PDB file of N, CA and C in Angstrom:
ATOM      1  N   MET A   1       2.092  -6.701  -7.291  1.00  0.00           N
ATOM      2  CA  MET A   1       1.916  -5.293  -7.043  1.00  0.00           C
ATOM      3  C   MET A   1       0.820  -5.066  -6.002  1.00  0.00           C
ATOM      4  N   VAL A   2      -0.212  -5.875  -6.040  1.00  0.00           N
ATOM      5  CA  VAL A   2      -1.335  -5.707  -5.110  1.00  0.00           C
ATOM      6  C   VAL A   2      -0.870  -5.871  -3.669  1.00  0.00           C
ATOM      7  N   ILE A   3      -0.031  -6.842  -3.415  1.00  0.00           N
ATOM      8  CA  ILE A   3       0.465  -7.076  -2.057  1.00  0.00           C
ATOM      9  C   ILE A   3       1.257  -5.853  -1.582  1.00  0.00           C
ATOM     10  N   PHE A   4       2.104  -5.308  -2.447  1.00  0.00           N
ATOM     11  CA  PHE A   4       2.839  -4.102  -2.092  1.00  0.00           C
ATOM     12  C   PHE A   4       1.872  -2.957  -1.789  1.00  0.00           C
ATOM     13  N   PHE A   5       0.831  -2.806  -2.593  1.00  0.00           N
ATOM     14  CA  PHE A   5      -0.125  -1.722  -2.373  1.00  0.00           C
ATOM     15  C   PHE A   5      -0.875  -1.885  -1.053  1.00  0.00           C
ATOM     16  N   PHE A   6      -1.160  -3.100  -0.656  1.00  0.00           N
ATOM     17  CA  PHE A   6      -1.771  -3.304   0.662  1.00  0.00           C
ATOM     18  C   PHE A   6      -0.811  -2.852   1.758  1.00  0.00           C
ATOM     19  N   HIS A   7       0.438  -3.227   1.632  1.00  0.00           N
ATOM     20  CA  HIS A   7       1.434  -2.798   2.623  1.00  0.00           C
ATOM     21  C   HIS A   7       1.532  -1.273   2.677  1.00  0.00           C
ATOM     22  N   LEU A   8       1.653  -0.664   1.521  1.00  0.00           N
ATOM     23  CA  LEU A   8       1.760   0.785   1.457  1.00  0.00           C
ATOM     24  C   LEU A   8       0.504   1.457   2.003  1.00  0.00           C
ATOM     25  N   SER A   9      -0.648   0.914   1.703  1.00  0.00           N
ATOM     26  CA  SER A   9      -1.908   1.480   2.201  1.00  0.00           C
ATOM     27  C   SER A   9      -1.976   1.453   3.715  1.00  0.00           C
ATOM     28  N   PHE A  10      -1.614   0.334   4.295  1.00  0.00           N
ATOM     29  CA  PHE A  10      -1.622   0.251   5.756  1.00  0.00           C
ATOM     30  C   PHE A  10      -0.600   1.205   6.362  1.00  0.00           C
ATOM     31  N   LEU A  11       0.556   1.295   5.758  1.00  0.00           N
ATOM     32  CA  LEU A  11       1.579   2.201   6.262  1.00  0.00           C
ATOM     33  C   LEU A  11       1.078   3.649   6.230  1.00  0.00           C
ATOM     34  N   LEU A  12       0.509   4.063   5.128  1.00  0.00           N
ATOM     35  CA  LEU A  12      -0.010   5.426   5.016  1.00  0.00           C
ATOM     36  C   LEU A  12      -1.146   5.668   5.998  1.00  0.00           C
ATOM     37  N   LYS A  13      -1.996   4.681   6.147  1.00  0.00           N
ATOM     38  CA  LYS A  13      -3.129   4.803   7.074  1.00  0.00           C
ATOM     39  C   LYS A  13      -2.657   4.957   8.513  1.00  0.00           C
ATOM     40  N   ILE A  14      -1.725   4.146   8.919  1.00  0.00           N
ATOM     41  CA  ILE A  14      -1.258   4.158  10.312  1.00  0.00           C
ATOM     42  C   ILE A  14      -0.538   5.457  10.642  1.00  0.00           C
ATOM     43  N   TYR A  15       0.286   5.921   9.744  1.00  0.00           N
ATOM     44  CA  TYR A  15       1.143   7.067  10.060  1.00  0.00           C
ATOM     45  C   TYR A  15       0.573   8.426   9.671  1.00  0.00           C
ATOM     46  N   LYS A  16      -0.589   8.458   9.049  1.00  0.00           N
ATOM     47  CA  LYS A  16      -1.120   9.750   8.622  1.00  0.00           C
ATOM     48  C   LYS A  16      -1.441  10.670   9.800  1.00  0.00           C
ATOM     49  N   LYS A  17      -1.671  10.114  10.970  1.00  0.00           N
ATOM     50  CA  LYS A  17      -1.969  10.921  12.155  1.00  0.00           C
ATOM     51  C   LYS A  17      -0.709  11.415  12.855  1.00  0.00           C
ATOM     52  N   ASP A  18       0.376  10.677  12.727  1.00  0.00           N
ATOM     53  CA  ASP A  18       1.581  10.960  13.507  1.00  0.00           C
ATOM     54  C   ASP A  18       2.705  11.626  12.725  1.00  0.00           C
ATOM     55  N   VAL A  19       2.615  11.614  11.418  1.00  0.00           N
ATOM     56  CA  VAL A  19       3.713  12.091  10.582  1.00  0.00           C
ATOM     57  C   VAL A  19       3.210  13.272   9.754  1.00  0.00           C
ATOM     58  N   SER A  20       4.081  14.201   9.495  1.00  0.00           N
ATOM     59  CA  SER A  20       3.683  15.372   8.706  1.00  0.00           C
ATOM     60  C   SER A  20       3.267  14.952   7.295  1.00  0.00           C
ATOM     61  N   LYS A  21       2.380  15.745   6.735  1.00  0.00           N
ATOM     62  CA  LYS A  21       1.922  15.456   5.376  1.00  0.00           C
ATOM     63  C   LYS A  21       3.083  15.501   4.388  1.00  0.00           C
ATOM     64  N   LYS A  22       4.017  16.384   4.632  1.00  0.00           N
ATOM     65  CA  LYS A  22       5.167  16.512   3.734  1.00  0.00           C
ATOM     66  C   LYS A  22       6.001  15.225   3.732  1.00  0.00           C
ATOM     67  N   GLU A  23       6.259  14.676   4.917  1.00  0.00           N
ATOM     68  CA  GLU A  23       7.043  13.436   4.990  1.00  0.00           C
ATOM     69  C   GLU A  23       6.312  12.281   4.317  1.00  0.00           C
ATOM     70  N   LEU A  24       5.010  12.154   4.586  1.00  0.00           N
ATOM     71  CA  LEU A  24       4.242  11.077   3.952  1.00  0.00           C
ATOM     72  C   LEU A  24       4.176  11.274   2.446  1.00  0.00           C
ATOM     73  N   GLN A  25       4.034  12.510   2.017  1.00  0.00           N
ATOM     74  CA  GLN A  25       4.001  12.782   0.578  1.00  0.00           C
ATOM     75  C   GLN A  25       5.327  12.422  -0.065  1.00  0.00           C
ATOM     76  N   ASN A  26       6.430  12.764   0.592  1.00  0.00           N
ATOM     77  CA  ASN A  26       7.750  12.403   0.070  1.00  0.00           C
ATOM     78  C   ASN A  26       7.902  10.889  -0.034  1.00  0.00           C
ATOM     79  N   PHE A  27       7.426  10.175   0.974  1.00  0.00           N
ATOM     80  CA  PHE A  27       7.499   8.719   0.968  1.00  0.00           C
ATOM     81  C   PHE A  27       6.639   8.149  -0.160  1.00  0.00           C
ATOM     82  N   PHE A  28       5.413   8.655  -0.284  1.00  0.00           N
ATOM     83  CA  PHE A  28       4.499   8.217  -1.331  1.00  0.00           C
ATOM     84  C   PHE A  28       5.113   8.485  -2.708  1.00  0.00           C
ATOM     85  N   ASP A  29       5.631   9.696  -2.895  1.00  0.00           N
ATOM     86  CA  ASP A  29       6.252  10.058  -4.179  1.00  0.00           C
ATOM     87  C   ASP A  29       7.426   9.139  -4.502  1.00  0.00           C
ATOM     88  N   PHE A  30       8.229   8.829  -3.496  1.00  0.00           N
ATOM     89  CA  PHE A  30       9.358   7.927  -3.696  1.00  0.00           C
ATOM     90  C   PHE A  30       8.870   6.555  -4.174  1.00  0.00           C
ATOM     91  N   CYS A  31       7.850   6.029  -3.512  1.00  0.00           N
ATOM     92  CA  CYS A  31       7.315   4.708  -3.888  1.00  0.00           C
ATOM     93  C   CYS A  31       6.780   4.714  -5.314  1.00  0.00           C
ATOM     94  N   ILE A  32       6.020   5.737  -5.655  1.00  0.00           N
ATOM     95  CA  ILE A  32       5.456   5.831  -7.003  1.00  0.00           C
ATOM     96  C   ILE A  32       6.569   5.984  -8.038  1.00  0.00           C
ATOM     97  N   ARG A  33       7.564   6.763  -7.718  1.00  0.00           N
ATOM     98  CA  ARG A  33       8.705   6.954  -8.628  1.00  0.00           C
ATOM     99  C   ARG A  33       9.441   5.632  -8.859  1.00  0.00           C
ATOM    100  N   GLN A  34       9.594   4.839  -7.812  1.00  0.00           N
ATOM    101  CA  GLN A  34      10.267   3.553  -7.953  1.00  0.00           C
ATOM    102  C   GLN A  34       9.461   2.584  -8.813  1.00  0.00           C
ATOM    103  N   ILE A  35       8.144   2.629  -8.677  1.00  0.00           N
ATOM    104  CA  ILE A  35       7.290   1.787  -9.523  1.00  0.00           C
ATOM    105  C   ILE A  35       7.449   2.205 -10.980  1.00  0.00           C
ATOM    106  N   GLU A  36       7.418   3.510 -11.219  1.00  0.00           N
ATOM    107  CA  GLU A  36       7.584   4.007 -12.588  1.00  0.00           C
ATOM    108  C   GLU A  36       8.937   3.608 -13.166  1.00  0.00           C
ATOM    109  N   LEU A  37       9.987   3.734 -12.371  1.00  0.00           N
ATOM    110  CA  LEU A  37      11.320   3.332 -12.845  1.00  0.00           C
ATOM    111  C   LEU A  37      11.374   1.846 -13.173  1.00  0.00           C
ATOM    112  N   SER A  38      10.712   1.041 -12.361  1.00  0.00           N
ATOM    113  CA  SER A  38      10.671  -0.406 -12.622  1.00  0.00           C
ATOM    114  C   SER A  38       9.969  -0.706 -13.938  1.00  0.00           C
ATOM    115  N   ILE A  39       8.889   0.004 -14.201  1.00  0.00           N
ATOM    116  CA  ILE A  39       8.164  -0.189 -15.458  1.00  0.00           C
ATOM    117  C   ILE A  39       9.047   0.228 -16.637  1.00  0.00           C
ATOM    118  N   ARG A  40       9.756   1.334 -16.468  1.00  0.00           N
ATOM    119  CA  ARG A  40      10.656   1.798 -17.537  1.00  0.00           C
ATOM    120  C   ARG A  40      11.750   0.777 -17.817  1.00  0.00           C
ATOM    121  N   GLU A  41      12.277   0.150 -16.757  1.00  0.00           N
ATOM    122  CA  GLU A  41      13.338  -0.843 -16.926  1.00  0.00           C
ATOM    123  C   GLU A  41      12.857  -2.055 -17.699  1.00  0.00           C
ATOM    124  N   ILE A  42      11.579  -2.353 -17.606  1.00  0.00           N
ATOM    125  CA  ILE A  42      11.026  -3.464 -18.370  1.00  0.00           C
ATOM    126  C   ILE A  42      11.080  -3.158 -19.854  1.00  0.00           C
ATOM    127  N   GLY A  43      11.005  -1.860 -20.190  1.00  0.00           N
ATOM    128  CA  GLY A  43      11.116  -1.471 -21.589  1.00  0.00           C
ATOM    129  C   GLY A  43       9.851  -0.917 -22.198  1.00  0.00           C
ATOM    130  N   TYR A  44       8.845  -0.629 -21.391  1.00  0.00           N
ATOM    131  CA  TYR A  44       7.618  -0.049 -21.929  1.00  0.00           C
ATOM    132  C   TYR A  44       7.865   1.370 -22.422  1.00  0.00           C
ATOM    133  N   GLY A  45       7.070   1.798 -23.385  1.00  0.00           N
ATOM    134  CA  GLY A  45       7.143   3.164 -23.897  1.00  0.00           C
ATOM    135  C   GLY A  45       6.395   4.124 -22.985  1.00  0.00           C
ATOM    136  N   ASP A  46       6.563   5.409 -23.250  1.00  0.00           N
ATOM    137  CA  ASP A  46       5.972   6.438 -22.397  1.00  0.00           C
ATOM    138  C   ASP A  46       4.453   6.329 -22.290  1.00  0.00           C
ATOM    139  N   ALA A  47       3.779   6.068 -23.401  1.00  0.00           N
ATOM    140  CA  ALA A  47       2.315   5.966 -23.380  1.00  0.00           C
ATOM    141  C   ALA A  47       1.865   4.797 -22.502  1.00  0.00           C
ATOM    142  N   THR A  48       2.530   3.675 -22.617  1.00  0.00           N
ATOM    143  CA  THR A  48       2.190   2.504 -21.807  1.00  0.00           C
ATOM    144  C   THR A  48       2.504   2.763 -20.340  1.00  0.00           C
ATOM    145  N   ILE A  49       3.615   3.431 -20.078  1.00  0.00           N
ATOM    146  CA  ILE A  49       3.980   3.749 -18.690  1.00  0.00           C
ATOM    147  C   ILE A  49       2.916   4.630 -18.064  1.00  0.00           C
ATOM    148  N   ASN A  50       2.477   5.655 -18.790  1.00  0.00           N
ATOM    149  CA  ASN A  50       1.441   6.545 -18.261  1.00  0.00           C
ATOM    150  C   ASN A  50       0.148   5.780 -17.979  1.00  0.00           C
ATOM    151  N   LYS A  51      -0.224   4.888 -18.881  1.00  0.00           N
ATOM    152  CA  LYS A  51      -1.447   4.095 -18.704  1.00  0.00           C
ATOM    153  C   LYS A  51      -1.309   3.185 -17.487  1.00  0.00           C
ATOM    154  N   LYS A  52      -0.181   2.494 -17.375  1.00  0.00           N
ATOM    155  CA  LYS A  52       0.039   1.583 -16.241  1.00  0.00           C
ATOM    156  C   LYS A  52       0.066   2.345 -14.922  1.00  0.00           C
ATOM    157  N   MET A  53       0.745   3.486 -14.898  1.00  0.00           N
ATOM    158  CA  MET A  53       0.830   4.268 -13.665  1.00  0.00           C
ATOM    159  C   MET A  53      -0.551   4.744 -13.234  1.00  0.00           C
ATOM    160  N   LYS A  54      -1.373   5.139 -14.184  1.00  0.00           N
ATOM    161  CA  LYS A  54      -2.745   5.552 -13.847  1.00  0.00           C
ATOM    162  C   LYS A  54      -3.508   4.376 -13.244  1.00  0.00           C
ATOM    163  N   GLU A  55      -3.375   3.201 -13.839  1.00  0.00           N
ATOM    164  CA  GLU A  55      -4.037   2.002 -13.313  1.00  0.00           C
ATOM    165  C   GLU A  55      -3.539   1.684 -11.901  1.00  0.00           C
ATOM    166  N   TYR A  56      -2.223   1.761 -11.715  1.00  0.00           N
ATOM    167  CA  TYR A  56      -1.640   1.444 -10.408  1.00  0.00           C
ATOM    168  C   TYR A  56      -2.068   2.437  -9.336  1.00  0.00           C
ATOM    169  N   VAL A  57      -2.058   3.709  -9.666  1.00  0.00           N
ATOM    170  CA  VAL A  57      -2.452   4.723  -8.680  1.00  0.00           C
ATOM    171  C   VAL A  57      -3.936   4.567  -8.337  1.00  0.00           C
ATOM    172  N   ASN A  58      -4.768   4.285  -9.324  1.00  0.00           N
ATOM    173  CA  ASN A  58      -6.191   4.046  -9.050  1.00  0.00           C
ATOM    174  C   ASN A  58      -6.382   2.820  -8.163  1.00  0.00           C
ATOM    175  N   LEU A  59      -5.621   1.773  -8.429  1.00  0.00           N
ATOM    176  CA  LEU A  59      -5.682   0.573  -7.607  1.00  0.00           C
ATOM    177  C   LEU A  59      -5.264   0.879  -6.169  1.00  0.00           C
ATOM    178  N   LEU A  60      -4.183   1.602  -6.011  1.00  0.00           N
ATOM    179  CA  LEU A  60      -3.705   1.957  -4.677  1.00  0.00           C
ATOM    180  C   LEU A  60      -4.761   2.761  -3.923  1.00  0.00           C
ATOM    181  N   PHE A  61      -5.333   3.774  -4.556  1.00  0.00           N
ATOM    182  CA  PHE A  61      -6.339   4.589  -3.879  1.00  0.00           C
ATOM    183  C   PHE A  61      -7.603   3.791  -3.578  1.00  0.00           C
ATOM    184  N   SER A  62      -7.916   2.832  -4.406  1.00  0.00           N
ATOM    185  CA  SER A  62      -9.056   1.957  -4.140  1.00  0.00           C
ATOM    186  C   SER A  62      -8.800   1.117  -2.883  1.00  0.00           C
ATOM    187  N   ILE A  63      -7.602   0.580  -2.758  1.00  0.00           N
ATOM    188  CA  ILE A  63      -7.247  -0.207  -1.572  1.00  0.00           C
ATOM    189  C   ILE A  63      -7.252   0.687  -0.340  1.00  0.00           C
ATOM    190  N   ILE A  64      -6.685   1.875  -0.436  1.00  0.00           N
ATOM    191  CA  ILE A  64      -6.678   2.809   0.703  1.00  0.00           C
ATOM    192  C   ILE A  64      -8.107   3.080   1.152  1.00  0.00           C
ATOM    193  N   ASP A  65      -8.996   3.291   0.206  1.00  0.00           N
ATOM    194  CA  ASP A  65     -10.401   3.551   0.537  1.00  0.00           C
ATOM    195  C   ASP A  65     -11.045   2.360   1.240  1.00  0.00           C
ATOM    196  N   LYS A  66     -10.769   1.159   0.750  1.00  0.00           N
ATOM    197  CA  LYS A  66     -11.397  -0.041   1.325  1.00  0.00           C
ATOM    198  C   LYS A  66     -10.903  -0.351   2.735  1.00  0.00           C
ATOM    199  N   ILE A  67      -9.652  -0.042   3.039  1.00  0.00           N
ATOM    200  CA  ILE A  67      -9.124  -0.388   4.370  1.00  0.00           C
ATOM    201  C   ILE A  67      -9.263   0.753   5.372  1.00  0.00           C
ATOM    202  N   ASP A  68      -9.915   1.828   4.972  1.00  0.00           N
ATOM    203  CA  ASP A  68     -10.012   3.002   5.838  1.00  0.00           C
ATOM    204  C   ASP A  68     -10.571   2.688   7.226  1.00  0.00           C
ATOM    205  N   ASN A  69     -11.554   1.833   7.304  1.00  0.00           N
ATOM    206  CA  ASN A  69     -12.135   1.472   8.608  1.00  0.00           C
ATOM    207  C   ASN A  69     -11.824   0.020   8.989  1.00  0.00           C
ATOM    208  N   TRP A  70     -10.653  -0.429   8.651  1.00  0.00           N
ATOM    209  CA  TRP A  70     -10.215  -1.813   8.858  1.00  0.00           C
ATOM    210  C   TRP A  70     -10.428  -2.288  10.296  1.00  0.00           C
ATOM    211  N   GLU A  71     -10.114  -1.438  11.253  1.00  0.00           N
ATOM    212  CA  GLU A  71     -10.200  -1.840  12.665  1.00  0.00           C
ATOM    213  C   GLU A  71     -11.644  -2.075  13.110  1.00  0.00           C
ATOM    214  N   GLN A  72     -12.594  -1.452  12.447  1.00  0.00           N
ATOM    215  CA  GLN A  72     -13.991  -1.560  12.862  1.00  0.00           C
ATOM    216  C   GLN A  72     -14.774  -2.680  12.176  1.00  0.00           C
ATOM    217  N   ILE A  73     -14.215  -3.272  11.151  1.00  0.00           N
ATOM    218  CA  ILE A  73     -14.972  -4.304  10.434  1.00  0.00           C
ATOM    219  C   ILE A  73     -14.572  -5.698  10.909  1.00  0.00           C
ATOM    220  N   ASP A  74     -15.480  -6.632  10.705  1.00  0.00           N
ATOM    221  CA  ASP A  74     -15.207  -7.997  11.171  1.00  0.00           C
ATOM    222  C   ASP A  74     -14.365  -8.767  10.147  1.00  0.00           C
ATOM    223  N   ILE A  75     -13.983  -9.954  10.534  1.00  0.00           N
ATOM    224  CA  ILE A  75     -13.072 -10.775   9.719  1.00  0.00           C
ATOM    225  C   ILE A  75     -13.683 -11.104   8.357  1.00  0.00           C
ATOM    226  N   SER A  76     -14.976 -11.372   8.312  1.00  0.00           N
ATOM    227  CA  SER A  76     -15.584 -11.722   7.023  1.00  0.00           C
ATOM    228  C   SER A  76     -15.561 -10.538   6.057  1.00  0.00           C
ATOM    229  N   GLU A  77     -15.764  -9.327   6.563  1.00  0.00           N
ATOM    230  CA  GLU A  77     -15.680  -8.141   5.705  1.00  0.00           C
ATOM    231  C   GLU A  77     -14.246  -7.916   5.238  1.00  0.00           C
ATOM    232  N   LYS A  78     -13.295  -8.123   6.133  1.00  0.00           N
ATOM    233  CA  LYS A  78     -11.884  -7.991   5.761  1.00  0.00           C
ATOM    234  C   LYS A  78     -11.537  -9.007   4.679  1.00  0.00           C
ATOM    235  N   SER A  79     -12.045 -10.203   4.839  1.00  0.00           N
ATOM    236  CA  SER A  79     -11.806 -11.254   3.853  1.00  0.00           C
ATOM    237  C   SER A  79     -12.392 -10.874   2.492  1.00  0.00           C
ATOM    238  N   LYS A  80     -13.563 -10.256   2.492  1.00  0.00           N
ATOM    239  CA  LYS A  80     -14.183  -9.817   1.232  1.00  0.00           C
ATOM    240  C   LYS A  80     -13.319  -8.764   0.546  1.00  0.00           C
ATOM    241  N   ILE A  81     -12.751  -7.863   1.338  1.00  0.00           N
ATOM    242  CA  ILE A  81     -11.876  -6.841   0.769  1.00  0.00           C
ATOM    243  C   ILE A  81     -10.671  -7.489   0.107  1.00  0.00           C
ATOM    244  N   ILE A  82     -10.062  -8.423   0.811  1.00  0.00           N
ATOM    245  CA  ILE A  82      -8.892  -9.118   0.259  1.00  0.00           C
ATOM    246  C   ILE A  82      -9.268  -9.833  -1.042  1.00  0.00           C
ATOM    247  N   LYS A  83     -10.415 -10.485  -1.046  1.00  0.00           N
ATOM    248  CA  LYS A  83     -10.844 -11.242  -2.233  1.00  0.00           C
ATOM    249  C   LYS A  83     -11.096 -10.357  -3.439  1.00  0.00           C
ATOM    250  N   ILE A  84     -11.446  -9.098  -3.210  1.00  0.00           N
ATOM    251  CA  ILE A  84     -11.652  -8.173  -4.331  1.00  0.00           C
ATOM    252  C   ILE A  84     -10.361  -8.033  -5.132  1.00  0.00           C
ATOM    253  N   TYR A  85      -9.251  -7.984  -4.426  1.00  0.00           N
ATOM    254  CA  TYR A  85      -7.966  -7.690  -5.066  1.00  0.00           C
ATOM    255  C   TYR A  85      -7.104  -8.920  -5.294  1.00  0.00           C
ATOM    256  N   ILE A  86      -7.303  -9.942  -4.496  1.00  0.00           N
ATOM    257  CA  ILE A  86      -6.485 -11.152  -4.600  1.00  0.00           C
ATOM    258  C   ILE A  86      -7.444 -12.329  -4.783  1.00  0.00           C
ATOM    259  N   SER A  87      -8.055 -12.397  -5.927  1.00  0.00           N
ATOM    260  CA  SER A  87      -9.103 -13.386  -6.155  1.00  0.00           C
ATOM    261  C   SER A  87      -8.571 -14.783  -6.441  1.00  0.00           C
ATOM    262  N   ASP A  88      -7.307 -14.907  -6.788  1.00  0.00           N
ATOM    263  CA  ASP A  88      -6.791 -16.221  -7.147  1.00  0.00           C
ATOM    264  C   ASP A  88      -6.322 -17.027  -5.941  1.00  0.00           C
ATOM    265  N   PHE A  89      -6.500 -16.498  -4.747  1.00  0.00           N
ATOM    266  CA  PHE A  89      -6.145 -17.234  -3.546  1.00  0.00           C
ATOM    267  C   PHE A  89      -7.417 -17.688  -2.843  1.00  0.00           C
ATOM    268  N   GLU A  90      -7.460 -18.959  -2.475  1.00  0.00           N
ATOM    269  CA  GLU A  90      -8.658 -19.505  -1.860  1.00  0.00           C
ATOM    270  C   GLU A  90      -8.802 -19.105  -0.396  1.00  0.00           C
ATOM    271  N   ASN A  91      -7.690 -18.958   0.298  1.00  0.00           N
ATOM    272  CA  ASN A  91      -7.761 -18.722   1.731  1.00  0.00           C
ATOM    273  C   ASN A  91      -7.392 -17.278   2.068  1.00  0.00           C
ATOM    274  N   SER A  92      -8.343 -16.390   1.887  1.00  0.00           N
ATOM    275  CA  SER A  92      -8.090 -14.978   2.146  1.00  0.00           C
ATOM    276  C   SER A  92      -7.951 -14.694   3.644  1.00  0.00           C
ATOM    277  N   GLU A  93      -8.403 -15.627   4.485  1.00  0.00           N
ATOM    278  CA  GLU A  93      -8.263 -15.433   5.928  1.00  0.00           C
ATOM    279  C   GLU A  93      -6.790 -15.354   6.335  1.00  0.00           C
ATOM    280  N   ASN A  94      -5.935 -16.061   5.623  1.00  0.00           N
ATOM    281  CA  ASN A  94      -4.499 -15.970   5.901  1.00  0.00           C
ATOM    282  C   ASN A  94      -3.976 -14.560   5.644  1.00  0.00           C
ATOM    283  N   PHE A  95      -4.471 -13.945   4.570  1.00  0.00           N
ATOM    284  CA  PHE A  95      -4.083 -12.571   4.282  1.00  0.00           C
ATOM    285  C   PHE A  95      -4.640 -11.607   5.324  1.00  0.00           C
ATOM    286  N   VAL A  96      -5.863 -11.831   5.739  1.00  0.00           N
ATOM    287  CA  VAL A  96      -6.457 -10.988   6.779  1.00  0.00           C
ATOM    288  C   VAL A  96      -5.605 -11.059   8.036  1.00  0.00           C
ATOM    289  N   ASP A  97      -5.252 -12.250   8.431  1.00  0.00           N
ATOM    290  CA  ASP A  97      -4.412 -12.430   9.624  1.00  0.00           C
ATOM    291  C   ASP A  97      -3.056 -11.751   9.441  1.00  0.00           C
ATOM    292  N   TYR A  98      -2.453 -11.957   8.284  1.00  0.00           N
ATOM    293  CA  TYR A  98      -1.148 -11.351   8.011  1.00  0.00           C
ATOM    294  C   TYR A  98      -1.222  -9.830   8.085  1.00  0.00           C
ATOM    295  N   PHE A  99      -2.210  -9.237   7.413  1.00  0.00           N
ATOM    296  CA  PHE A  99      -2.285  -7.775   7.389  1.00  0.00           C
ATOM    297  C   PHE A  99      -2.697  -7.202   8.744  1.00  0.00           C
ATOM    298  N   GLU A 100      -3.415  -7.955   9.523  1.00  0.00           N
ATOM    299  CA  GLU A 100      -3.709  -7.506  10.882  1.00  0.00           C
ATOM    300  C   GLU A 100      -2.428  -7.478  11.711  1.00  0.00           C
ATOM    301  N   LYS A 101      -1.610  -8.491  11.570  1.00  0.00           N
ATOM    302  CA  LYS A 101      -0.319  -8.508  12.269  1.00  0.00           C
ATOM    303  C   LYS A 101       0.597  -7.391  11.765  1.00  0.00           C
ATOM    304  N   TYR A 102       0.564  -7.135  10.479  1.00  0.00           N
ATOM    305  CA  TYR A 102       1.362  -6.059   9.904  1.00  0.00           C
ATOM    306  C   TYR A 102       0.883  -4.703  10.437  1.00  0.00           C
ATOM    307  N   ARG A 103      -0.424  -4.517  10.512  1.00  0.00           N
ATOM    308  CA  ARG A 103      -0.985  -3.272  11.036  1.00  0.00           C
ATOM    309  C   ARG A 103      -0.532  -3.042  12.478  1.00  0.00           C
ATOM    310  N   ILE A 104      -0.574  -4.075  13.276  1.00  0.00           N
ATOM    311  CA  ILE A 104      -0.138  -3.979  14.675  1.00  0.00           C
ATOM    312  C   ILE A 104       1.361  -3.698  14.742  1.00  0.00           C
ATOM    313  N   PHE A 105       2.124  -4.361  13.892  1.00  0.00           N
ATOM    314  CA  PHE A 105       3.563  -4.103  13.820  1.00  0.00           C
ATOM    315  C   PHE A 105       3.836  -2.625  13.547  1.00  0.00           C
ATOM    316  N   LEU A 106       3.117  -2.058  12.593  1.00  0.00           N
ATOM    317  CA  LEU A 106       3.313  -0.651  12.250  1.00  0.00           C
ATOM    318  C   LEU A 106       2.992   0.274  13.418  1.00  0.00           C
ATOM    319  N   THR A 107       1.988  -0.082  14.197  1.00  0.00           N
ATOM    320  CA  THR A 107       1.626   0.771  15.333  1.00  0.00           C
ATOM    321  C   THR A 107       2.699   0.778  16.410  1.00  0.00           C
ATOM    322  N   LYS A 108       3.558  -0.217  16.401  1.00  0.00           N
ATOM    323  CA  LYS A 108       4.614  -0.312  17.414  1.00  0.00           C
ATOM    324  C   LYS A 108       5.945   0.262  16.939  1.00  0.00           C
ATOM    325  N   LYS A 109       6.025   0.653  15.694  1.00  0.00           N
ATOM    326  CA  LYS A 109       7.271   1.179  15.126  1.00  0.00           C
ATOM    327  C   LYS A 109       7.058   2.633  14.714  1.00  0.00           C
ATOM    328  N   SER A 110       8.128   3.390  14.750  1.00  0.00           N
ATOM    329  CA  SER A 110       8.024   4.769  14.290  1.00  0.00           C
ATOM    330  C   SER A 110       8.223   4.825  12.776  1.00  0.00           C
ATOM    331  N   PHE A 111       7.607   5.809  12.183  1.00  0.00           N
ATOM    332  CA  PHE A 111       7.747   6.006  10.741  1.00  0.00           C
ATOM    333  C   PHE A 111       9.199   6.292  10.381  1.00  0.00           C
ATOM    334  N   ILE A 112       9.854   7.075  11.186  1.00  0.00           N
ATOM    335  CA  ILE A 112      11.267   7.414  10.940  1.00  0.00           C
ATOM    336  C   ILE A 112      12.119   6.147  10.917  1.00  0.00           C
ATOM    337  N   ASN A 113      11.849   5.258  11.828  1.00  0.00           N
ATOM    338  CA  ASN A 113      12.600   3.995  11.887  1.00  0.00           C
ATOM    339  C   ASN A 113      12.421   3.178  10.623  1.00  0.00           C
ATOM    340  N   LEU A 114      11.213   3.175  10.077  1.00  0.00           N
ATOM    341  CA  LEU A 114      10.930   2.378   8.889  1.00  0.00           C
ATOM    342  C   LEU A 114      11.356   3.045   7.587  1.00  0.00           C
ATOM    343  N   SER A 115      11.479   4.362   7.602  1.00  0.00           N
ATOM    344  CA  SER A 115      11.719   5.066   6.352  1.00  0.00           C
ATOM    345  C   SER A 115      13.024   5.852   6.306  1.00  0.00           C
ATOM    346  N   LYS A 116      13.849   5.736   7.326  1.00  0.00           N
ATOM    347  CA  LYS A 116      15.035   6.603   7.417  1.00  0.00           C
ATOM    348  C   LYS A 116      15.954   6.501   6.207  1.00  0.00           C
ATOM    349  N   ASP A 117      16.158   5.328   5.655  1.00  0.00           N
ATOM    350  CA  ASP A 117      17.042   5.195   4.498  1.00  0.00           C
ATOM    351  C   ASP A 117      16.402   5.693   3.212  1.00  0.00           C
ATOM    352  N   ILE A 118      15.087   5.678   3.164  1.00  0.00           N
ATOM    353  CA  ILE A 118      14.384   6.115   1.966  1.00  0.00           C
ATOM    354  C   ILE A 118      14.298   7.639   1.909  1.00  0.00           C
ATOM    355  N   LEU A 119      13.911   8.246   3.007  1.00  0.00           N
ATOM    356  CA  LEU A 119      13.678   9.695   3.013  1.00  0.00           C
ATOM    357  C   LEU A 119      14.950  10.517   3.053  1.00  0.00           C
ATOM    358  N   THR A 120      16.080   9.902   3.325  1.00  0.00           N
ATOM    359  CA  THR A 120      17.332  10.656   3.342  1.00  0.00           C
ATOM    360  C   THR A 120      18.039  10.615   1.995  1.00  0.00           C
ATOM    361  N   ILE A 121      17.475   9.911   1.037  1.00  0.00           N
ATOM    362  CA  ILE A 121      18.098   9.797  -0.297  1.00  0.00           C
ATOM    363  C   ILE A 121      17.995  11.126  -1.013  1.00  0.00           C
TER     364      ILE A 121
END
């Protein structure tokens, strides 16, 4: 889930300047709804689902907060951020490199291109 939240955080960060708040909100709501549906399919009860969703949303917002100035921080700081959330991996530099490439990829693609099948549902 953490890896997905990093992807979603970067996507929201990159497109928040270029895409309407309504479109980003619809995309965010869709993602959260899909997570909730996945939890329900596992068979958790409503109380557990609410608790898990609160934990997940807090985790997502924590990641969004940490990557807010991603472009301005150095590799060691980026690595520290990754280690906060992905502590069981020894080589966080690989994740830093990956997410930097992902961030650049997002800057070269339009939000509509990446989300057209999701937002038209």
